[in-house]
Amino acid sequence: MFEMVDVQNATLAGGVAIGAIADLEILPGAAMLIGALAALCSVIGYVYISPYIEAKLGLMDTCGVHNLHGMPGLIGCFASVFATCAVDT
């Protein structure tokens, strides 16, 4: 089911991922791909992973830190590693 809060969180997650790589030169298409992956990961986290973690482990992420900052931050981290490796020295 489509919910507007997912769109809002996905938009913020894309910004988090790109913010982690902001000082590197990347192409616009790569930036869109990184943002889309972060958005998808964030929405999947909110819809599926958070309820699973709460049911199985009893951990409740009330502020959504894991889905909004944790997972997109890791995507940005891996993207910065790939971008750094792609740079000619």
N, C-alpha and C. Protein backbone atom coordinates (compact mmCIF):
# COMPACT_ATOMS: atom_id res chain seq x y z
N MET A 1 0.84 -1.18 0.00
CA MET A 1 0.00 0.00 0.00
C MET A 1 0.89 1.25 0.00
N PHE A 2 0.54 2.20 -0.82
CA PHE A 2 1.30 3.44 -0.96
C PHE A 2 0.96 4.40 0.17
N GLU A 3 1.99 4.91 0.84
CA GLU A 3 1.79 5.91 1.89
C GLU A 3 2.73 7.08 1.64
N MET A 4 2.24 8.27 1.87
CA MET A 4 3.02 9.48 1.62
C MET A 4 4.25 9.56 2.52
N VAL A 5 4.17 9.01 3.72
CA VAL A 5 5.31 9.06 4.62
C VAL A 5 6.50 8.28 4.04
N ASP A 6 6.23 7.25 3.24
CA ASP A 6 7.31 6.51 2.58
C ASP A 6 8.03 7.40 1.56
N VAL A 7 7.30 8.21 0.84
CA VAL A 7 7.90 9.13 -0.13
C VAL A 7 8.77 10.16 0.60
N GLN A 8 8.27 10.67 1.71
CA GLN A 8 9.03 11.66 2.48
C GLN A 8 10.32 11.05 3.03
N ASN A 9 10.23 9.85 3.59
CA ASN A 9 11.43 9.21 4.13
C ASN A 9 12.40 8.82 3.02
N ALA A 10 11.88 8.40 1.88
CA ALA A 10 12.75 8.05 0.76
C ALA A 10 13.51 9.27 0.26
N THR A 11 12.85 10.41 0.21
CA THR A 11 13.51 11.65 -0.21
C THR A 11 14.64 12.02 0.74
N LEU A 12 14.38 11.92 2.03
CA LEU A 12 15.42 12.23 3.02
C LEU A 12 16.56 11.22 2.96
N ALA A 13 16.24 9.95 2.74
CA ALA A 13 17.27 8.92 2.67
C ALA A 13 18.21 9.15 1.49
N GLY A 14 17.67 9.60 0.36
CA GLY A 14 18.51 9.92 -0.78
C GLY A 14 19.48 11.04 -0.46
N GLY A 15 19.01 12.02 0.27
CA GLY A 15 19.88 13.13 0.70
C GLY A 15 20.96 12.68 1.65
N VAL A 16 20.63 11.75 2.53
CA VAL A 16 21.63 11.22 3.46
C VAL A 16 22.73 10.49 2.70
N ALA A 17 22.34 9.66 1.74
CA ALA A 17 23.33 8.89 0.98
C ALA A 17 24.22 9.80 0.16
N ILE A 18 23.66 10.79 -0.48
CA ILE A 18 24.46 11.70 -1.29
C ILE A 18 25.31 12.61 -0.39
N GLY A 19 24.82 12.94 0.77
CA GLY A 19 25.59 13.76 1.70
C GLY A 19 26.87 13.07 2.14
N ALA A 20 26.86 11.75 2.18
CA ALA A 20 28.06 11.02 2.57
C ALA A 20 29.13 11.05 1.49
N ILE A 21 28.75 11.37 0.27
CA ILE A 21 29.68 11.36 -0.86
C ILE A 21 29.79 12.75 -1.49
N ALA A 22 29.32 13.77 -0.80
CA ALA A 22 29.15 15.11 -1.37
C ALA A 22 30.45 15.76 -1.83
N ASP A 23 31.57 15.41 -1.25
CA ASP A 23 32.81 16.09 -1.63
C ASP A 23 33.52 15.44 -2.82
N LEU A 24 32.92 14.41 -3.39
CA LEU A 24 33.51 13.73 -4.54
C LEU A 24 32.74 14.09 -5.81
N GLU A 25 33.44 14.08 -6.94
CA GLU A 25 32.78 14.35 -8.21
C GLU A 25 32.15 13.07 -8.72
N ILE A 26 30.83 13.08 -8.85
CA ILE A 26 30.14 11.94 -9.43
C ILE A 26 29.20 12.46 -10.51
N LEU A 27 28.88 11.60 -11.44
CA LEU A 27 27.98 11.98 -12.53
C LEU A 27 26.53 12.05 -12.03
N PRO A 28 25.71 12.87 -12.68
CA PRO A 28 24.31 12.98 -12.25
C PRO A 28 23.56 11.65 -12.25
N GLY A 29 23.84 10.80 -13.24
CA GLY A 29 23.19 9.49 -13.27
C GLY A 29 23.58 8.63 -12.08
N ALA A 30 24.85 8.70 -11.69
CA ALA A 30 25.30 7.96 -10.51
C ALA A 30 24.65 8.50 -9.25
N ALA A 31 24.50 9.81 -9.17
CA ALA A 31 23.84 10.40 -8.01
C ALA A 31 22.38 9.96 -7.92
N MET A 32 21.72 9.89 -9.08
CA MET A 32 20.33 9.43 -9.09
C MET A 32 20.24 7.96 -8.68
N LEU A 33 21.19 7.15 -9.14
CA LEU A 33 21.20 5.74 -8.78
C LEU A 33 21.43 5.54 -7.28
N ILE A 34 22.38 6.27 -6.74
CA ILE A 34 22.67 6.19 -5.30
C ILE A 34 21.45 6.62 -4.49
N GLY A 35 20.83 7.72 -4.89
CA GLY A 35 19.64 8.19 -4.18
C GLY A 35 18.48 7.22 -4.28
N ALA A 36 18.30 6.62 -5.46
CA ALA A 36 17.22 5.65 -5.63
C ALA A 36 17.45 4.39 -4.80
N LEU A 37 18.70 3.92 -4.76
CA LEU A 37 19.01 2.75 -3.93
C LEU A 37 18.78 3.04 -2.45
N ALA A 38 19.20 4.21 -2.02
CA ALA A 38 18.99 4.58 -0.62
C ALA A 38 17.51 4.70 -0.31
N ALA A 39 16.75 5.28 -1.23
CA ALA A 39 15.31 5.42 -1.03
C ALA A 39 14.63 4.06 -0.93
N LEU A 40 15.00 3.16 -1.84
CA LEU A 40 14.42 1.82 -1.83
C LEU A 40 14.78 1.08 -0.55
N CYS A 41 16.02 1.17 -0.15
CA CYS A 41 16.49 0.51 1.06
C CYS A 41 15.76 1.07 2.29
N SER A 42 15.56 2.36 2.33
CA SER A 42 14.87 2.98 3.46
C SER A 42 13.42 2.54 3.55
N VAL A 43 12.72 2.54 2.44
CA VAL A 43 11.32 2.13 2.44
C VAL A 43 11.18 0.66 2.81
N ILE A 44 12.05 -0.19 2.27
CA ILE A 44 12.03 -1.61 2.64
C ILE A 44 12.30 -1.76 4.13
N GLY A 45 13.20 -0.95 4.65
CA GLY A 45 13.50 -0.99 6.08
C GLY A 45 12.29 -0.63 6.93
N TYR A 46 11.60 0.44 6.55
CA TYR A 46 10.42 0.86 7.31
C TYR A 46 9.28 -0.16 7.21
N VAL A 47 9.07 -0.71 6.02
CA VAL A 47 7.91 -1.57 5.81
C VAL A 47 8.15 -2.99 6.32
N TYR A 48 9.36 -3.53 6.11
CA TYR A 48 9.60 -4.94 6.43
C TYR A 48 10.58 -5.17 7.57
N ILE A 49 11.72 -4.48 7.56
CA ILE A 49 12.79 -4.79 8.52
C ILE A 49 12.45 -4.32 9.93
N SER A 50 11.95 -3.11 10.08
CA SER A 50 11.62 -2.62 11.42
C SER A 50 10.58 -3.47 12.14
N PRO A 51 9.46 -3.85 11.48
CA PRO A 51 8.52 -4.73 12.17
C PRO A 51 9.12 -6.09 12.52
N TYR A 52 9.98 -6.61 11.66
CA TYR A 52 10.63 -7.89 11.93
C TYR A 52 11.55 -7.79 13.15
N ILE A 53 12.36 -6.74 13.20
CA ILE A 53 13.28 -6.55 14.33
C ILE A 53 12.49 -6.35 15.62
N GLU A 54 11.40 -5.63 15.54
CA GLU A 54 10.58 -5.42 16.73
C GLU A 54 9.94 -6.72 17.20
N ALA A 55 9.44 -7.53 16.27
CA ALA A 55 8.77 -8.77 16.65
C ALA A 55 9.76 -9.83 17.15
N LYS A 56 10.89 -9.96 16.49
CA LYS A 56 11.83 -11.03 16.83
C LYS A 56 12.81 -10.68 17.94
N LEU A 57 13.28 -9.44 17.96
CA LEU A 57 14.30 -9.05 18.92
C LEU A 57 13.78 -8.14 20.03
N GLY A 58 12.59 -7.60 19.84
CA GLY A 58 12.04 -6.68 20.84
C GLY A 58 12.66 -5.30 20.79
N LEU A 59 13.38 -4.97 19.70
CA LEU A 59 13.99 -3.65 19.56
C LEU A 59 13.06 -2.75 18.76
N MET A 60 12.81 -1.57 19.29
CA MET A 60 11.91 -0.64 18.61
C MET A 60 12.66 0.64 18.28
N ASP A 61 12.74 0.93 17.01
CA ASP A 61 13.40 2.15 16.53
C ASP A 61 12.32 3.23 16.38
N THR A 62 12.04 3.95 17.45
CA THR A 62 10.93 4.89 17.45
C THR A 62 11.16 6.08 16.53
N CYS A 63 12.40 6.46 16.33
CA CYS A 63 12.69 7.63 15.49
C CYS A 63 13.08 7.26 14.07
N GLY A 64 13.20 5.99 13.76
CA GLY A 64 13.57 5.58 12.41
C GLY A 64 15.02 5.85 12.05
N VAL A 65 15.89 5.88 13.04
CA VAL A 65 17.29 6.21 12.80
C VAL A 65 17.95 5.14 11.93
N HIS A 66 17.64 3.90 12.17
CA HIS A 66 18.24 2.80 11.40
C HIS A 66 17.87 2.90 9.93
N ASN A 67 16.61 3.18 9.64
CA ASN A 67 16.14 3.19 8.25
C ASN A 67 16.41 4.49 7.52
N LEU A 68 16.44 5.58 8.24
CA LEU A 68 16.61 6.88 7.59
C LEU A 68 18.06 7.32 7.52
N HIS A 69 18.87 6.94 8.50
CA HIS A 69 20.26 7.40 8.52
C HIS A 69 21.25 6.25 8.43
N GLY A 70 20.94 5.12 9.05
CA GLY A 70 21.89 3.99 9.09
C GLY A 70 22.11 3.33 7.75
N MET A 71 21.06 2.77 7.19
CA MET A 71 21.20 2.06 5.91
C MET A 71 21.56 2.98 4.75
N PRO A 72 20.92 4.14 4.59
CA PRO A 72 21.36 5.05 3.51
C PRO A 72 22.79 5.57 3.71
N GLY A 73 23.20 5.74 4.96
CA GLY A 73 24.58 6.15 5.22
C GLY A 73 25.57 5.10 4.78
N LEU A 74 25.23 3.83 4.98
CA LEU A 74 26.10 2.75 4.50
C LEU A 74 26.16 2.70 2.98
N ILE A 75 25.03 2.94 2.33
CA ILE A 75 25.02 3.00 0.87
C ILE A 75 25.92 4.14 0.39
N GLY A 76 25.83 5.29 1.04
CA GLY A 76 26.70 6.41 0.70
C GLY A 76 28.17 6.09 0.96
N CYS A 77 28.42 5.34 2.03
CA CYS A 77 29.79 4.94 2.35
C CYS A 77 30.36 4.05 1.25
N PHE A 78 29.60 3.04 0.84
CA PHE A 78 30.08 2.16 -0.22
C PHE A 78 30.21 2.91 -1.55
N ALA A 79 29.30 3.83 -1.81
CA ALA A 79 29.39 4.63 -3.03
C ALA A 79 30.64 5.50 -3.03
N SER A 80 31.00 6.04 -1.87
CA SER A 80 32.21 6.86 -1.81
C SER A 80 33.46 6.01 -2.01
N VAL A 81 33.42 4.76 -1.54
CA VAL A 81 34.56 3.86 -1.79
C VAL A 81 34.70 3.60 -3.29
N PHE A 82 33.59 3.30 -3.96
CA PHE A 82 33.64 3.05 -5.40
C PHE A 82 34.06 4.32 -6.16
N ALA A 83 33.55 5.47 -5.74
CA ALA A 83 33.90 6.72 -6.43
C ALA A 83 35.39 7.05 -6.23
N THR A 84 35.91 6.77 -5.06
CA THR A 84 37.32 7.03 -4.80
C THR A 84 38.20 6.10 -5.62
N CYS A 85 37.79 4.85 -5.74
CA CYS A 85 38.56 3.90 -6.55
C CYS A 85 38.51 4.25 -8.04
N ALA A 86 37.45 4.89 -8.47
CA ALA A 86 37.29 5.22 -9.89
C ALA A 86 38.07 6.46 -10.30
N VAL A 87 38.54 7.24 -9.35
CA VAL A 87 39.24 8.49 -9.67
C VAL A 87 40.65 8.20 -10.17
N ASP A 88 41.04 8.85 -11.27
CA ASP A 88 42.41 8.76 -11.75
C ASP A 88 43.31 9.60 -10.86
N THR A 89 44.43 9.02 -10.48
CA THR A 89 45.35 9.79 -9.63
C THR A 89 46.49 10.35 -10.42
